[in-house]
Amino acid sequence: SLMATVNEPAAVTLSATASNISCNGSLNGAVNVTAGGGTTPYNFNWSNGATTQNLTGIAAGNYVVTVSDLNNCTTSASTSVTQPSAITISLTKTDISCFGAANGTITTTVSGGNSGYSFNWSHGPTSQNLNALSAGSYTLTVTDASNCSVSGIETVSQPTQIILSETHADVSCNNGSNGSISITANGGSSGFSYLWNNTATTSSINNLTANAYSVTVTDVSLC
């Protein structure tokens, strides 16, 4: 009599372990694969077209790898590479009330990423919000607990300067009272009010005696 034994190789085994993305949008994900069983050598085919055993420098997503051994025995494994949510910055400003003032503000709202944010402004401060600002552009970089960062910019504006010009007519005769002054205001926020040192409240004053006259012009924003 004769006895024969037919053997078979061990099943091909496969495990895939993902390394997730550090910051939203980065391409530093990876998948490490361990293959065993079957008959070496192995061939690897990935759903993204790669044929290496491991993947590096990949974006977030789902990846499937199929391994084939020398006898074309196959098995597959899938894994997901994840990423943190994007850091988003919302900047809300209050513009300067009057030309040359320093009362602008910027308020910051942050979400996403991994909380534990730090704030760095282009001109030095590390506070979340800014007050007492002059006119200009301000850039904020927000960094989260995973050292992921994103930047935003906000511009604080100011109204134009109020510019006054005057024309006047002198008194024609000694001790006369037919002088006049007319004021023109430009800039600021239109809607001007006038207050003269002789209590007049119009842009032009007439029937003046020889003297010095001053006027304060205020716009609609109380500048």
N, C-alpha and C. Protein backbone atom coordinates (compact mmCIF):
# COMPACT_ATOMS: atom_id res chain seq x y z
N SER A 1 0.85 -1.18 0.00
CA SER A 1 0.00 0.00 0.00
C SER A 1 0.88 1.22 0.00
N LEU A 2 0.28 2.34 -0.40
CA LEU A 2 1.02 3.60 -0.47
C LEU A 2 0.16 4.70 0.11
N MET A 3 0.76 5.52 0.96
CA MET A 3 0.04 6.68 1.51
C MET A 3 0.77 7.94 1.07
N ALA A 4 0.03 8.89 0.54
CA ALA A 4 0.60 10.19 0.15
C ALA A 4 -0.12 11.30 0.90
N THR A 5 0.64 12.27 1.30
CA THR A 5 0.07 13.43 2.01
C THR A 5 0.20 14.66 1.13
N VAL A 6 -0.89 15.32 0.90
CA VAL A 6 -0.89 16.59 0.13
C VAL A 6 -0.94 17.74 1.14
N ASN A 7 0.05 18.57 1.10
CA ASN A 7 0.12 19.70 2.05
C ASN A 7 -0.35 20.99 1.38
N GLU A 8 -0.63 21.94 2.20
CA GLU A 8 -0.97 23.28 1.70
C GLU A 8 -0.22 24.33 2.51
N PRO A 9 0.11 25.44 1.86
CA PRO A 9 0.79 26.50 2.62
C PRO A 9 -0.19 27.16 3.58
N ALA A 10 0.38 27.83 4.55
CA ALA A 10 -0.46 28.60 5.46
C ALA A 10 -1.15 29.72 4.69
N ALA A 11 -2.31 30.09 5.16
CA ALA A 11 -3.05 31.17 4.51
C ALA A 11 -2.25 32.47 4.54
N VAL A 12 -2.41 33.23 3.49
CA VAL A 12 -1.79 34.56 3.46
C VAL A 12 -2.52 35.46 4.45
N THR A 13 -1.76 36.11 5.31
CA THR A 13 -2.35 37.03 6.29
C THR A 13 -1.86 38.44 6.04
N LEU A 14 -2.65 39.36 6.48
CA LEU A 14 -2.35 40.76 6.17
C LEU A 14 -2.93 41.64 7.26
N SER A 15 -2.14 42.57 7.76
CA SER A 15 -2.65 43.59 8.68
C SER A 15 -2.13 44.95 8.24
N ALA A 16 -2.97 45.96 8.38
CA ALA A 16 -2.62 47.32 7.96
C ALA A 16 -2.88 48.27 9.11
N THR A 17 -1.89 49.09 9.44
CA THR A 17 -2.00 50.04 10.55
C THR A 17 -1.79 51.46 10.03
N ALA A 18 -2.75 52.33 10.30
CA ALA A 18 -2.68 53.71 9.79
C ALA A 18 -1.98 54.63 10.77
N SER A 19 -1.24 55.59 10.22
CA SER A 19 -0.74 56.74 10.96
C SER A 19 -1.50 57.95 10.43
N ASN A 20 -2.24 58.61 11.31
CA ASN A 20 -3.16 59.65 10.85
C ASN A 20 -2.46 60.97 10.55
N ILE A 21 -3.17 61.82 9.84
CA ILE A 21 -2.67 63.14 9.45
C ILE A 21 -2.53 64.01 10.69
N SER A 22 -1.43 64.78 10.76
CA SER A 22 -1.20 65.62 11.94
C SER A 22 -2.04 66.89 11.91
N CYS A 23 -2.17 67.51 10.75
CA CYS A 23 -2.92 68.76 10.62
C CYS A 23 -3.81 68.67 9.39
N ASN A 24 -4.98 69.26 9.47
CA ASN A 24 -5.92 69.20 8.38
C ASN A 24 -5.28 69.67 7.07
N GLY A 25 -5.44 68.84 6.04
CA GLY A 25 -4.92 69.20 4.72
C GLY A 25 -3.49 68.78 4.47
N SER A 26 -2.80 68.28 5.50
CA SER A 26 -1.42 67.84 5.30
C SER A 26 -1.38 66.51 4.56
N LEU A 27 -0.22 66.19 4.02
CA LEU A 27 -0.02 64.93 3.30
C LEU A 27 1.05 64.11 4.01
N ASN A 28 0.82 63.85 5.28
CA ASN A 28 1.81 63.09 6.04
C ASN A 28 1.20 61.85 6.69
N GLY A 29 0.11 61.36 6.12
CA GLY A 29 -0.45 60.10 6.58
C GLY A 29 0.38 58.92 6.08
N ALA A 30 0.20 57.78 6.72
CA ALA A 30 0.94 56.58 6.31
C ALA A 30 0.13 55.35 6.67
N VAL A 31 0.40 54.25 5.96
CA VAL A 31 -0.16 52.95 6.30
C VAL A 31 1.00 51.94 6.26
N ASN A 32 1.20 51.26 7.36
CA ASN A 32 2.22 50.21 7.44
C ASN A 32 1.53 48.85 7.38
N VAL A 33 2.09 47.97 6.54
CA VAL A 33 1.48 46.67 6.28
C VAL A 33 2.41 45.55 6.73
N THR A 34 1.83 44.56 7.38
CA THR A 34 2.55 43.34 7.72
C THR A 34 1.85 42.16 7.02
N ALA A 35 2.64 41.41 6.24
CA ALA A 35 2.09 40.24 5.53
C ALA A 35 2.77 38.98 6.04
N GLY A 36 2.05 37.87 6.04
CA GLY A 36 2.59 36.60 6.47
C GLY A 36 1.89 35.45 5.77
N GLY A 37 2.37 34.23 6.03
CA GLY A 37 1.76 33.05 5.44
C GLY A 37 2.03 32.94 3.96
N GLY A 38 1.32 32.05 3.32
CA GLY A 38 1.48 31.86 1.89
C GLY A 38 2.90 31.49 1.51
N THR A 39 3.28 31.89 0.32
CA THR A 39 4.62 31.60 -0.20
C THR A 39 5.23 32.90 -0.69
N THR A 40 6.29 33.31 -0.06
CA THR A 40 6.93 34.57 -0.47
C THR A 40 7.60 34.38 -1.84
N PRO A 41 7.85 35.49 -2.57
CA PRO A 41 7.64 36.89 -2.19
C PRO A 41 6.21 37.36 -2.43
N TYR A 42 5.91 38.51 -1.83
CA TYR A 42 4.57 39.08 -1.95
C TYR A 42 4.56 40.25 -2.93
N ASN A 43 3.43 40.44 -3.55
CA ASN A 43 3.17 41.64 -4.35
C ASN A 43 2.01 42.40 -3.71
N PHE A 44 2.12 43.72 -3.72
CA PHE A 44 1.12 44.57 -3.07
C PHE A 44 0.47 45.48 -4.10
N ASN A 45 -0.81 45.57 -4.05
CA ASN A 45 -1.55 46.47 -4.94
C ASN A 45 -2.55 47.25 -4.10
N TRP A 46 -2.43 48.59 -4.19
CA TRP A 46 -3.26 49.49 -3.39
C TRP A 46 -4.38 50.09 -4.23
N SER A 47 -5.43 50.49 -3.55
CA SER A 47 -6.56 51.11 -4.24
C SER A 47 -6.21 52.44 -4.87
N ASN A 48 -5.10 53.07 -4.44
CA ASN A 48 -4.68 54.34 -5.06
C ASN A 48 -3.63 54.10 -6.14
N GLY A 49 -3.39 52.83 -6.49
CA GLY A 49 -2.45 52.53 -7.56
C GLY A 49 -1.05 52.21 -7.12
N ALA A 50 -0.72 52.43 -5.85
CA ALA A 50 0.63 52.15 -5.37
C ALA A 50 0.87 50.64 -5.34
N THR A 51 2.15 50.28 -5.48
CA THR A 51 2.53 48.86 -5.43
C THR A 51 3.60 48.62 -4.38
N THR A 52 3.82 49.57 -3.51
CA THR A 52 4.77 49.39 -2.41
C THR A 52 4.07 48.66 -1.26
N GLN A 53 4.87 48.12 -0.36
CA GLN A 53 4.26 47.44 0.79
C GLN A 53 3.57 48.44 1.71
N ASN A 54 4.22 49.57 1.93
CA ASN A 54 3.68 50.59 2.83
C ASN A 54 3.38 51.86 2.05
N LEU A 55 2.51 52.68 2.59
CA LEU A 55 2.20 53.98 2.00
C LEU A 55 2.69 55.08 2.93
N THR A 56 3.27 56.11 2.36
CA THR A 56 3.69 57.29 3.12
C THR A 56 3.30 58.54 2.34
N GLY A 57 3.22 59.64 3.06
CA GLY A 57 2.93 60.92 2.41
C GLY A 57 1.58 60.97 1.75
N ILE A 58 0.57 60.39 2.40
CA ILE A 58 -0.75 60.29 1.78
C ILE A 58 -1.74 61.20 2.49
N ALA A 59 -2.80 61.51 1.77
CA ALA A 59 -3.88 62.33 2.30
C ALA A 59 -4.85 61.46 3.10
N ALA A 60 -5.76 62.14 3.80
CA ALA A 60 -6.80 61.40 4.52
C ALA A 60 -7.68 60.65 3.53
N GLY A 61 -8.14 59.47 3.93
CA GLY A 61 -9.01 58.70 3.07
C GLY A 61 -9.00 57.23 3.43
N ASN A 62 -9.73 56.45 2.66
CA ASN A 62 -9.79 55.01 2.85
C ASN A 62 -8.85 54.33 1.86
N TYR A 63 -8.09 53.38 2.34
CA TYR A 63 -7.12 52.69 1.50
C TYR A 63 -7.29 51.18 1.64
N VAL A 64 -7.32 50.49 0.51
CA VAL A 64 -7.43 49.03 0.48
C VAL A 64 -6.17 48.48 -0.18
N VAL A 65 -5.54 47.47 0.47
CA VAL A 65 -4.37 46.81 -0.11
C VAL A 65 -4.69 45.33 -0.32
N THR A 66 -4.28 44.85 -1.46
CA THR A 66 -4.39 43.42 -1.77
C THR A 66 -2.99 42.85 -1.92
N VAL A 67 -2.71 41.77 -1.20
CA VAL A 67 -1.41 41.13 -1.29
C VAL A 67 -1.58 39.80 -2.02
N SER A 68 -0.64 39.53 -2.94
CA SER A 68 -0.61 38.26 -3.67
C SER A 68 0.73 37.58 -3.39
N ASP A 69 0.69 36.28 -3.12
CA ASP A 69 1.96 35.58 -2.90
C ASP A 69 2.43 34.93 -4.20
N LEU A 70 3.49 34.15 -4.09
CA LEU A 70 4.09 33.55 -5.27
C LEU A 70 3.11 32.67 -6.04
N ASN A 71 2.15 32.09 -5.33
CA ASN A 71 1.19 31.21 -5.98
C ASN A 71 -0.11 31.92 -6.35
N ASN A 72 -0.04 33.27 -6.28
CA ASN A 72 -1.20 34.10 -6.61
C ASN A 72 -2.36 33.89 -5.65
N CYS A 73 -2.02 33.48 -4.43
CA CYS A 73 -3.02 33.47 -3.37
C CYS A 73 -3.13 34.89 -2.82
N THR A 74 -4.33 35.36 -2.61
CA THR A 74 -4.53 36.78 -2.27
C THR A 74 -5.37 36.93 -1.02
N THR A 75 -5.17 38.09 -0.40
CA THR A 75 -6.05 38.54 0.66
C THR A 75 -5.97 40.05 0.69
N SER A 76 -6.97 40.68 1.27
CA SER A 76 -7.04 42.15 1.27
C SER A 76 -7.29 42.68 2.67
N ALA A 77 -6.91 43.92 2.87
CA ALA A 77 -7.18 44.61 4.13
C ALA A 77 -7.45 46.07 3.81
N SER A 78 -8.27 46.70 4.61
CA SER A 78 -8.57 48.13 4.41
C SER A 78 -8.32 48.88 5.69
N THR A 79 -8.01 50.16 5.55
CA THR A 79 -7.82 51.02 6.71
C THR A 79 -8.14 52.44 6.32
N SER A 80 -8.43 53.25 7.31
CA SER A 80 -8.76 54.66 7.08
C SER A 80 -7.71 55.55 7.72
N VAL A 81 -7.26 56.54 6.95
CA VAL A 81 -6.36 57.58 7.46
C VAL A 81 -7.21 58.81 7.72
N THR A 82 -7.21 59.27 8.95
CA THR A 82 -8.06 60.40 9.32
C THR A 82 -7.22 61.66 9.52
N GLN A 83 -7.91 62.79 9.60
CA GLN A 83 -7.24 64.06 9.86
C GLN A 83 -8.11 64.88 10.81
N PRO A 84 -7.49 65.77 11.58
CA PRO A 84 -8.29 66.64 12.45
C PRO A 84 -9.08 67.63 11.60
N SER A 85 -10.10 68.19 12.20
CA SER A 85 -10.88 69.22 11.49
C SER A 85 -10.02 70.45 11.26
N ALA A 86 -10.38 71.21 10.27
CA ALA A 86 -9.64 72.43 9.96
C ALA A 86 -9.85 73.48 11.05
N ILE A 87 -8.79 74.22 11.33
CA ILE A 87 -8.91 75.38 12.22
C ILE A 87 -9.53 76.52 11.41
N THR A 88 -10.58 77.11 11.94
CA THR A 88 -11.19 78.25 11.27
C THR A 88 -11.13 79.47 12.18
N ILE A 89 -10.86 80.61 11.58
CA ILE A 89 -10.76 81.88 12.30
C ILE A 89 -11.83 82.81 11.76
N SER A 90 -12.56 83.44 12.67
CA SER A 90 -13.48 84.52 12.29
C SER A 90 -13.04 85.79 13.01
N LEU A 91 -12.72 86.82 12.23
CA LEU A 91 -12.27 88.10 12.79
C LEU A 91 -13.35 89.15 12.56
N THR A 92 -13.75 89.81 13.64
CA THR A 92 -14.77 90.86 13.57
C THR A 92 -14.15 92.15 14.08
N LYS A 93 -14.24 93.19 13.29
CA LYS A 93 -13.58 94.46 13.64
C LYS A 93 -14.58 95.54 13.97
N THR A 94 -14.12 96.51 14.72
CA THR A 94 -14.80 97.79 14.88
C THR A 94 -13.84 98.85 14.37
N ASP A 95 -14.27 99.60 13.36
CA ASP A 95 -13.39 100.62 12.80
C ASP A 95 -13.24 101.80 13.75
N ILE A 96 -12.23 102.59 13.47
CA ILE A 96 -11.93 103.78 14.27
C ILE A 96 -13.01 104.82 14.06
N SER A 97 -13.38 105.48 15.15
CA SER A 97 -14.52 106.40 15.08
C SER A 97 -14.17 107.72 14.39
N CYS A 98 -12.99 108.24 14.68
CA CYS A 98 -12.58 109.52 14.12
C CYS A 98 -11.14 109.44 13.64
N PHE A 99 -10.83 110.19 12.61
CA PHE A 99 -9.49 110.20 12.04
C PHE A 99 -8.43 110.45 13.12
N GLY A 100 -7.40 109.58 13.13
CA GLY A 100 -6.30 109.77 14.07
C GLY A 100 -6.52 109.16 15.43
N ALA A 101 -7.73 108.66 15.70
CA ALA A 101 -7.98 108.03 17.00
C ALA A 101 -7.39 106.62 17.01
N ALA A 102 -7.35 106.02 18.18
CA ALA A 102 -6.82 104.65 18.33
C ALA A 102 -7.81 103.85 19.16
N ASN A 103 -9.03 103.70 18.64
CA ASN A 103 -10.08 102.98 19.37
C ASN A 103 -10.70 101.87 18.54
N GLY A 104 -9.93 101.37 17.55
CA GLY A 104 -10.40 100.21 16.79
C GLY A 104 -10.27 98.94 17.61
N THR A 105 -11.06 97.92 17.27
CA THR A 105 -10.99 96.64 17.96
C THR A 105 -11.07 95.51 16.94
N ILE A 106 -10.53 94.33 17.32
CA ILE A 106 -10.71 93.10 16.56
C ILE A 106 -11.05 92.00 17.56
N THR A 107 -12.15 91.30 17.31
CA THR A 107 -12.58 90.18 18.14
C THR A 107 -12.41 88.89 17.33
N THR A 108 -11.84 87.87 17.97
CA THR A 108 -11.49 86.63 17.29
C THR A 108 -12.35 85.47 17.82
N THR A 109 -12.89 84.68 16.88
CA THR A 109 -13.55 83.42 17.22
C THR A 109 -12.83 82.30 16.48
N VAL A 110 -12.49 81.24 17.22
CA VAL A 110 -11.74 80.13 16.64
C VAL A 110 -12.48 78.83 16.88
N SER A 111 -12.47 77.94 15.90
CA SER A 111 -13.03 76.60 16.08
C SER A 111 -12.19 75.62 15.27
N GLY A 112 -12.43 74.32 15.51
CA GLY A 112 -11.73 73.28 14.78
C GLY A 112 -10.37 72.96 15.38
N GLY A 113 -9.65 72.08 14.69
CA GLY A 113 -8.35 71.63 15.18
C GLY A 113 -8.47 70.95 16.53
N ASN A 114 -7.42 71.06 17.31
CA ASN A 114 -7.41 70.53 18.68
C ASN A 114 -7.27 71.70 19.63
N SER A 115 -8.31 71.94 20.41
CA SER A 115 -8.37 73.14 21.24
C SER A 115 -7.18 73.22 22.17
N GLY A 116 -6.97 74.43 22.68
CA GLY A 116 -5.76 74.79 23.39
C GLY A 116 -4.97 75.71 22.48
N TYR A 117 -5.67 76.79 22.05
CA TYR A 117 -5.12 77.66 21.02
C TYR A 117 -4.17 78.70 21.62
N SER A 118 -3.16 79.04 20.83
CA SER A 118 -2.33 80.20 21.14
C SER A 118 -2.48 81.21 20.01
N PHE A 119 -2.30 82.49 20.34
CA PHE A 119 -2.56 83.58 19.41
C PHE A 119 -1.31 84.43 19.27
N ASN A 120 -0.95 84.72 18.04
CA ASN A 120 0.21 85.57 17.77
C ASN A 120 -0.13 86.56 16.67
N TRP A 121 -0.11 87.84 17.03
CA TRP A 121 -0.41 88.92 16.09
C TRP A 121 0.87 89.44 15.46
N SER A 122 0.74 89.94 14.25
CA SER A 122 1.90 90.39 13.48
C SER A 122 2.67 91.50 14.17
N HIS A 123 2.02 92.28 15.04
CA HIS A 123 2.72 93.37 15.71
C HIS A 123 3.09 93.03 17.15
N GLY A 124 2.96 91.74 17.53
CA GLY A 124 3.51 91.32 18.82
C GLY A 124 2.57 90.76 19.85
N PRO A 125 1.34 91.27 20.01
CA PRO A 125 0.48 90.78 21.09
C PRO A 125 0.13 89.29 20.95
N THR A 126 -0.15 88.66 22.08
CA THR A 126 -0.53 87.25 22.11
C THR A 126 -1.91 87.06 22.71
N SER A 127 -2.70 88.11 22.75
CA SER A 127 -4.07 88.02 23.25
C SER A 127 -5.00 87.59 22.12
N GLN A 128 -6.15 87.04 22.50
CA GLN A 128 -7.11 86.60 21.48
C GLN A 128 -7.74 87.79 20.78
N ASN A 129 -8.05 88.82 21.52
CA ASN A 129 -8.73 90.00 20.98
C ASN A 129 -7.84 91.23 21.13
N LEU A 130 -8.08 92.22 20.30
CA LEU A 130 -7.29 93.45 20.32
C LEU A 130 -8.19 94.65 20.54
N ASN A 131 -7.66 95.61 21.30
CA ASN A 131 -8.37 96.88 21.55
C ASN A 131 -7.40 98.03 21.31
N ALA A 132 -7.94 99.23 21.29
CA ALA A 132 -7.14 100.46 21.19
C ALA A 132 -6.23 100.43 19.96
N LEU A 133 -6.80 100.02 18.83
CA LEU A 133 -6.02 99.90 17.60
C LEU A 133 -6.05 101.17 16.78
N SER A 134 -4.92 101.47 16.16
CA SER A 134 -4.85 102.49 15.13
C SER A 134 -5.24 101.86 13.79
N ALA A 135 -5.43 102.70 12.80
CA ALA A 135 -5.77 102.20 11.47
C ALA A 135 -4.63 101.35 10.93
N GLY A 136 -4.96 100.25 10.27
CA GLY A 136 -3.94 99.39 9.68
C GLY A 136 -4.43 97.98 9.51
N SER A 137 -3.57 97.12 8.94
CA SER A 137 -3.88 95.71 8.75
C SER A 137 -3.18 94.88 9.82
N TYR A 138 -3.89 93.90 10.34
CA TYR A 138 -3.38 93.08 11.43
C TYR A 138 -3.53 91.61 11.04
N THR A 139 -2.44 90.86 11.14
CA THR A 139 -2.44 89.43 10.81
C THR A 139 -2.34 88.61 12.08
N LEU A 140 -3.22 87.61 12.21
CA LEU A 140 -3.25 86.72 13.36
C LEU A 140 -2.90 85.30 12.92
N THR A 141 -1.99 84.67 13.66
CA THR A 141 -1.70 83.25 13.48
C THR A 141 -2.19 82.51 14.72
N VAL A 142 -3.07 81.54 14.50
CA VAL A 142 -3.61 80.72 15.59
C VAL A 142 -2.97 79.34 15.49
N THR A 143 -2.43 78.86 16.61
CA THR A 143 -1.81 77.54 16.67
C THR A 143 -2.56 76.71 17.70
N ASP A 144 -2.88 75.46 17.33
CA ASP A 144 -3.65 74.62 18.26
C ASP A 144 -2.72 73.71 19.06
N ALA A 145 -3.31 72.84 19.87
CA ALA A 145 -2.55 71.99 20.77
C ALA A 145 -1.68 70.99 20.02
N SER A 146 -1.99 70.74 18.74
CA SER A 146 -1.18 69.81 17.94
C SER A 146 -0.15 70.53 17.08
N ASN A 147 0.04 71.82 17.37
CA ASN A 147 0.99 72.67 16.63
C ASN A 147 0.58 72.87 15.18
N CYS A 148 -0.71 72.75 14.91
CA CYS A 148 -1.26 73.11 13.60
C CYS A 148 -1.64 74.58 13.65
N SER A 149 -1.42 75.29 12.57
CA SER A 149 -1.67 76.73 12.60
C SER A 149 -2.36 77.19 11.33
N VAL A 150 -3.05 78.32 11.47
CA VAL A 150 -3.71 78.97 10.34
C VAL A 150 -3.69 80.46 10.62
N SER A 151 -3.70 81.26 9.57
CA SER A 151 -3.60 82.71 9.73
C SER A 151 -4.80 83.41 9.10
N GLY A 152 -5.09 84.59 9.62
CA GLY A 152 -6.13 85.44 9.07
C GLY A 152 -5.70 86.89 9.18
N ILE A 153 -6.30 87.73 8.37
CA ILE A 153 -5.94 89.16 8.36
C ILE A 153 -7.20 90.00 8.42
N GLU A 154 -7.13 91.10 9.14
CA GLU A 154 -8.24 92.05 9.22
C GLU A 154 -7.67 93.46 9.12
N THR A 155 -8.39 94.32 8.44
CA THR A 155 -7.96 95.71 8.26
C THR A 155 -8.92 96.63 9.01
N VAL A 156 -8.35 97.43 9.90
CA VAL A 156 -9.11 98.43 10.66
C VAL A 156 -9.00 99.75 9.91
N SER A 157 -10.14 100.33 9.58
CA SER A 157 -10.17 101.56 8.81
C SER A 157 -10.52 102.76 9.69
N GLN A 158 -10.30 103.93 9.14
CA GLN A 158 -10.69 105.16 9.83
C GLN A 158 -11.31 106.11 8.81
N PRO A 159 -12.19 106.98 9.27
CA PRO A 159 -12.74 107.97 8.34
C PRO A 159 -11.65 108.95 7.91
N THR A 160 -11.89 109.62 6.81
CA THR A 160 -10.94 110.63 6.37
C THR A 160 -10.93 111.82 7.33
N GLN A 161 -9.86 112.54 7.30
CA GLN A 161 -9.73 113.71 8.15
C GLN A 161 -10.70 114.81 7.70
N ILE A 162 -11.28 115.52 8.65
CA ILE A 162 -12.12 116.67 8.33
C ILE A 162 -11.20 117.84 7.98
N ILE A 163 -11.37 118.39 6.80
CA ILE A 163 -10.56 119.52 6.34
C ILE A 163 -11.47 120.73 6.17
N LEU A 164 -11.08 121.83 6.78
CA LEU A 164 -11.87 123.06 6.70
C LEU A 164 -11.14 124.09 5.84
N SER A 165 -11.91 124.80 5.04
CA SER A 165 -11.37 125.95 4.32
C SER A 165 -12.35 127.12 4.49
N GLU A 166 -11.83 128.31 4.39
CA GLU A 166 -12.70 129.48 4.61
C GLU A 166 -12.43 130.57 3.57
N THR A 167 -13.49 131.29 3.27
CA THR A 167 -13.36 132.55 2.52
C THR A 167 -14.03 133.62 3.35
N HIS A 168 -13.48 134.83 3.31
CA HIS A 168 -14.07 135.90 4.13
C HIS A 168 -14.01 137.23 3.38
N ALA A 169 -14.89 138.08 3.79
CA ALA A 169 -14.91 139.46 3.27
C ALA A 169 -14.68 140.40 4.44
N ASP A 170 -13.69 141.27 4.30
CA ASP A 170 -13.39 142.22 5.38
C ASP A 170 -14.47 143.31 5.47
N VAL A 171 -14.46 143.97 6.59
CA VAL A 171 -15.37 145.11 6.79
C VAL A 171 -14.94 146.24 5.86
N SER A 172 -15.89 146.91 5.22
CA SER A 172 -15.56 147.92 4.21
C SER A 172 -15.16 149.27 4.81
N CYS A 173 -15.71 149.63 5.95
CA CYS A 173 -15.42 150.93 6.57
C CYS A 173 -15.07 150.76 8.04
N ASN A 174 -14.29 151.69 8.54
CA ASN A 174 -13.93 151.66 9.95
C ASN A 174 -15.17 151.62 10.82
N ASN A 175 -15.13 150.72 11.80
CA ASN A 175 -16.26 150.52 12.72
C ASN A 175 -17.50 149.96 12.01
N GLY A 176 -17.31 149.43 10.82
CA GLY A 176 -18.43 148.85 10.10
C GLY A 176 -18.76 147.44 10.62
N SER A 177 -19.82 146.88 10.05
CA SER A 177 -20.25 145.53 10.47
C SER A 177 -20.81 144.75 9.28
N ASN A 178 -20.07 144.81 8.18
CA ASN A 178 -20.53 144.08 7.00
C ASN A 178 -19.52 143.01 6.57
N GLY A 179 -18.71 142.54 7.54
CA GLY A 179 -17.80 141.43 7.25
C GLY A 179 -18.56 140.11 7.17
N SER A 180 -17.94 139.12 6.56
CA SER A 180 -18.57 137.79 6.47
C SER A 180 -17.50 136.71 6.37
N ILE A 181 -17.87 135.53 6.79
CA ILE A 181 -16.99 134.36 6.66
C ILE A 181 -17.85 133.19 6.22
N SER A 182 -17.31 132.39 5.28
CA SER A 182 -17.99 131.17 4.84
C SER A 182 -17.03 129.99 4.98
N ILE A 183 -17.50 128.93 5.63
CA ILE A 183 -16.69 127.73 5.89
C ILE A 183 -17.14 126.60 4.96
N THR A 184 -16.16 125.88 4.39
CA THR A 184 -16.44 124.66 3.64
C THR A 184 -15.75 123.50 4.35
N ALA A 185 -16.50 122.45 4.63
CA ALA A 185 -15.97 121.26 5.29
C ALA A 185 -15.97 120.09 4.33
N ASN A 186 -14.87 119.35 4.31
CA ASN A 186 -14.76 118.12 3.51
C ASN A 186 -14.18 117.00 4.37
N GLY A 187 -14.41 115.74 3.95
CA GLY A 187 -13.90 114.60 4.69
C GLY A 187 -14.84 114.20 5.81
N GLY A 188 -14.34 113.38 6.72
CA GLY A 188 -15.16 112.91 7.83
C GLY A 188 -16.38 112.17 7.34
N SER A 189 -17.41 112.22 8.12
CA SER A 189 -18.70 111.62 7.76
C SER A 189 -19.70 112.75 7.61
N SER A 190 -20.22 112.91 6.39
CA SER A 190 -21.00 114.10 6.08
C SER A 190 -22.22 114.24 6.99
N GLY A 191 -22.64 115.45 7.14
CA GLY A 191 -23.68 115.83 8.08
C GLY A 191 -23.03 116.68 9.15
N PHE A 192 -22.55 117.87 8.76
CA PHE A 192 -21.74 118.70 9.65
C PHE A 192 -22.61 119.68 10.44
N SER A 193 -22.17 119.91 11.68
CA SER A 193 -22.75 121.00 12.47
C SER A 193 -21.64 121.99 12.79
N TYR A 194 -22.04 123.25 13.02
CA TYR A 194 -21.08 124.34 13.17
C TYR A 194 -21.37 125.08 14.48
N LEU A 195 -20.31 125.43 15.17
CA LEU A 195 -20.47 126.26 16.37
C LEU A 195 -19.35 127.28 16.39
N TRP A 196 -19.74 128.58 16.25
CA TRP A 196 -18.80 129.68 16.22
C TRP A 196 -18.62 130.25 17.63
N ASN A 197 -17.51 130.93 17.81
CA ASN A 197 -17.27 131.53 19.13
C ASN A 197 -18.20 132.72 19.40
N ASN A 198 -18.98 133.10 18.40
CA ASN A 198 -20.02 134.12 18.64
C ASN A 198 -21.40 133.49 18.75
N THR A 199 -21.43 132.15 18.95
CA THR A 199 -22.63 131.32 19.15
C THR A 199 -23.40 131.03 17.87
N ALA A 200 -22.95 131.50 16.71
CA ALA A 200 -23.64 131.16 15.46
C ALA A 200 -23.47 129.67 15.17
N THR A 201 -24.46 129.12 14.45
CA THR A 201 -24.44 127.67 14.17
C THR A 201 -24.64 127.38 12.69
N THR A 202 -24.29 128.32 11.83
CA THR A 202 -24.40 128.11 10.39
C THR A 202 -23.00 128.08 9.78
N SER A 203 -22.90 127.55 8.55
CA SER A 203 -21.59 127.46 7.92
C SER A 203 -21.07 128.82 7.49
N SER A 204 -21.98 129.76 7.28
CA SER A 204 -21.57 131.11 6.92
C SER A 204 -22.12 132.09 7.95
N ILE A 205 -21.31 133.09 8.28
CA ILE A 205 -21.78 134.14 9.20
C ILE A 205 -21.55 135.50 8.55
N ASN A 206 -22.52 136.39 8.78
CA ASN A 206 -22.51 137.70 8.13
C ASN A 206 -22.66 138.81 9.18
N ASN A 207 -22.62 140.05 8.68
CA ASN A 207 -22.80 141.24 9.54
C ASN A 207 -21.79 141.26 10.68
N LEU A 208 -20.53 140.98 10.31
CA LEU A 208 -19.48 140.89 11.31
C LEU A 208 -18.71 142.19 11.43
N THR A 209 -18.33 142.50 12.66
CA THR A 209 -17.37 143.58 12.91
C THR A 209 -15.97 142.99 12.81
N ALA A 210 -14.99 143.89 12.72
CA ALA A 210 -13.61 143.41 12.65
C ALA A 210 -13.26 142.66 13.93
N ASN A 211 -12.78 141.43 13.78
CA ASN A 211 -12.46 140.61 14.95
C ASN A 211 -11.90 139.29 14.44
N ALA A 212 -11.47 138.44 15.38
CA ALA A 212 -11.06 137.07 15.05
C ALA A 212 -12.21 136.14 15.42
N TYR A 213 -12.52 135.24 14.52
CA TYR A 213 -13.64 134.32 14.73
C TYR A 213 -13.14 132.87 14.56
N SER A 214 -13.58 132.01 15.45
CA SER A 214 -13.22 130.59 15.36
C SER A 214 -14.48 129.76 15.29
N VAL A 215 -14.35 128.61 14.63
CA VAL A 215 -15.51 127.73 14.46
C VAL A 215 -15.07 126.30 14.75
N THR A 216 -15.93 125.53 15.37
CA THR A 216 -15.74 124.08 15.55
C THR A 216 -16.77 123.36 14.69
N VAL A 217 -16.27 122.49 13.84
CA VAL A 217 -17.15 121.72 12.94
C VAL A 217 -17.15 120.27 13.44
N THR A 218 -18.34 119.71 13.61
CA THR A 218 -18.53 118.33 14.08
C THR A 218 -19.32 117.56 13.04
N ASP A 219 -18.83 116.35 12.72
CA ASP A 219 -19.56 115.56 11.71
C ASP A 219 -20.56 114.64 12.39
N VAL A 220 -21.23 113.83 11.59
CA VAL A 220 -22.31 112.99 12.10
C VAL A 220 -21.81 111.92 13.07
N SER A 221 -20.48 111.60 13.01
CA SER A 221 -19.90 110.63 13.92
C SER A 221 -19.31 111.29 15.16
N LEU A 222 -19.61 112.58 15.33
CA LEU A 222 -19.12 113.37 16.47
C LEU A 222 -17.61 113.55 16.44
N CYS A 223 -17.04 113.51 15.25
CA CYS A 223 -15.64 113.86 15.08
C CYS A 223 -15.55 115.36 14.82
